[in-house]
Amino acid sequence: MAKKILLIEDEKTMVNLLKKKLIREGYDISVAWDGEEGFEKIKEIRPDLILLDIVMPKVDGFGVMEKIAKDKELKKIPIIIISNSGQPVDLGRAKKLGAKDWLIKTEFDPQEVLDKVIKQIGK
């Protein structure tokens, strides 16, 4: 069965790019457009991995990670942050909240995302 990835991201271009790449590689992709919807979907579909933006409407990525951290089962799900910010302060906070990896939107290509996904959950 295909591994499930939940992409929580509010930029359409980014969603389309990542979704296309990951589906082509055989992953089952779900999308949430803000942190509130994202957390509901995490509880509902129990993804194998979460790709999470930080700056989003309603609840930001840190808010989502704080909610996940309070749940014994959900906090086992690896999180890869995809953000415009590479500030050490943000990185530190994200790691503390359980993020396994980090990508800067302006500096990555879809192959790099795929490599990081495979590193966390395999093919």
Protein backbone atom coordinates (compact mmCIF):
# COMPACT_ATOMS: atom_id res chain seq x y z
CA MET A 1 0.00 0.00 0.00
CA ALA A 2 1.21 3.51 -0.82
CA LYS A 3 2.64 5.57 2.03
CA LYS A 4 0.47 8.53 2.97
CA ILE A 5 1.87 12.06 3.03
CA LEU A 6 -0.09 15.04 4.25
CA LEU A 7 0.99 18.32 2.69
CA ILE A 8 -0.07 21.32 4.81
CA GLU A 9 0.70 24.34 2.66
CA ASP A 10 -1.22 27.45 1.53
CA GLU A 11 0.66 28.24 -1.70
CA LYS A 12 -1.05 26.63 -4.71
CA THR A 13 2.10 26.55 -6.87
CA MET A 14 4.07 24.78 -4.15
CA VAL A 15 1.25 22.28 -3.53
CA ASN A 16 0.92 21.45 -7.24
CA LEU A 17 4.68 21.04 -7.68
CA LEU A 18 5.16 18.76 -4.67
CA LYS A 19 1.95 16.82 -5.20
CA LYS A 20 2.85 16.00 -8.81
CA LYS A 21 6.38 14.87 -7.88
CA LEU A 22 5.34 12.72 -4.93
CA ILE A 23 2.36 11.10 -6.69
CA ARG A 24 4.65 10.22 -9.59
CA GLU A 25 6.89 8.46 -7.05
CA GLY A 26 3.98 6.39 -5.76
CA TYR A 27 2.97 8.24 -2.59
CA ASP A 28 -0.63 8.87 -1.59
CA ILE A 29 -0.91 12.67 -1.12
CA SER A 30 -3.52 14.60 0.85
CA VAL A 31 -3.53 18.40 1.05
CA ALA A 32 -4.65 20.84 3.73
CA TRP A 33 -4.59 24.58 3.02
CA ASP A 34 -4.15 25.85 6.58
CA GLY A 35 -3.03 24.60 9.96
CA GLU A 36 -6.52 24.10 11.34
CA GLU A 37 -7.60 21.88 8.44
CA GLY A 38 -4.19 20.22 8.56
CA PHE A 39 -4.52 19.11 12.18
CA GLU A 40 -8.01 17.70 11.50
CA LYS A 41 -6.65 15.72 8.54
CA ILE A 42 -3.71 14.43 10.60
CA LYS A 43 -6.17 12.94 13.11
CA GLU A 44 -8.39 11.62 10.32
CA ILE A 45 -5.89 9.99 7.93
CA ARG A 46 -2.87 9.32 10.20
CA PRO A 47 -0.27 10.04 7.50
CA ASP A 48 3.15 8.37 7.43
CA LEU A 49 4.76 11.80 7.00
CA ILE A 50 3.76 15.47 7.21
CA LEU A 51 5.19 18.20 4.96
CA LEU A 52 4.42 21.38 6.87
CA ASP A 53 4.60 25.08 6.03
CA ILE A 54 5.16 27.48 8.94
CA VAL A 55 3.42 30.69 7.82
CA MET A 56 -0.24 29.86 7.12
CA PRO A 57 -3.72 31.18 7.83
CA LYS A 58 -5.70 30.23 10.98
CA VAL A 59 -3.04 28.09 12.72
CA ASP A 60 0.64 28.33 11.76
CA GLY A 61 3.01 25.39 11.47
CA PHE A 62 4.32 25.83 15.01
CA GLY A 63 0.73 25.71 16.29
CA VAL A 64 0.15 22.47 14.40
CA MET A 65 3.36 20.97 15.84
CA GLU A 66 2.37 22.02 19.36
CA LYS A 67 -0.95 20.18 18.99
CA ILE A 68 0.79 17.11 17.55
CA ALA A 69 3.33 17.08 20.40
CA LYS A 70 0.49 16.65 22.94
CA ASP A 71 -0.71 13.42 21.31
CA LYS A 72 1.26 10.23 21.99
CA GLU A 73 0.35 8.60 18.69
CA LEU A 74 0.52 11.64 16.41
CA LYS A 75 3.93 12.76 17.66
CA LYS A 76 5.46 9.60 16.14
CA ILE A 77 4.70 10.95 12.63
CA PRO A 78 7.83 12.52 11.07
CA ILE A 79 7.49 16.18 10.06
CA ILE A 80 9.49 17.95 7.37
CA ILE A 81 9.17 21.73 7.46
CA ILE A 82 8.90 23.63 4.18
CA SER A 83 9.25 27.33 4.84
CA ASN A 84 10.57 30.61 3.53
CA SER A 85 12.41 31.15 6.79
CA GLY A 86 15.74 29.56 7.55
CA GLN A 87 16.28 31.54 10.73
CA PRO A 88 18.20 29.55 13.38
CA VAL A 89 15.57 30.55 15.95
CA ASP A 90 12.81 28.98 13.82
CA LEU A 91 14.91 25.89 13.14
CA GLY A 92 15.57 25.41 16.83
CA ARG A 93 11.91 25.80 17.73
CA ALA A 94 10.83 23.42 14.94
CA LYS A 95 13.33 20.76 16.07
CA LYS A 96 12.20 21.12 19.67
CA LEU A 97 8.62 20.53 18.49
CA GLY A 98 9.62 17.37 16.64
CA ALA A 99 10.53 18.39 13.08
CA LYS A 100 12.88 15.83 11.51
CA ASP A 101 14.07 17.96 8.61
CA TRP A 102 13.79 21.41 7.01
CA LEU A 103 13.64 22.86 3.51
CA ILE A 104 13.82 26.50 2.46
CA LYS A 105 11.23 27.16 -0.28
CA THR A 106 13.44 29.44 -2.33
CA GLU A 107 16.38 27.03 -2.33
CA PHE A 108 15.06 23.54 -2.96
CA ASP A 109 14.01 21.48 -5.93
CA PRO A 110 11.34 18.74 -5.82
CA GLN A 111 14.02 16.02 -5.99
CA GLU A 112 15.46 17.27 -2.70
CA VAL A 113 12.01 16.97 -1.09
CA LEU A 114 11.73 13.43 -2.44
CA ASP A 115 15.17 12.52 -1.05
CA LYS A 116 14.21 13.80 2.40
CA VAL A 117 10.85 11.98 2.28
CA ILE A 118 12.58 8.70 1.35
CA LYS A 119 15.10 9.24 4.16
CA GLN A 120 12.23 9.50 6.68
CA ILE A 121 9.73 6.87 5.47
CA GLY A 122 11.26 5.01 2.53
CA LYS A 123 9.59 4.36 -0.80
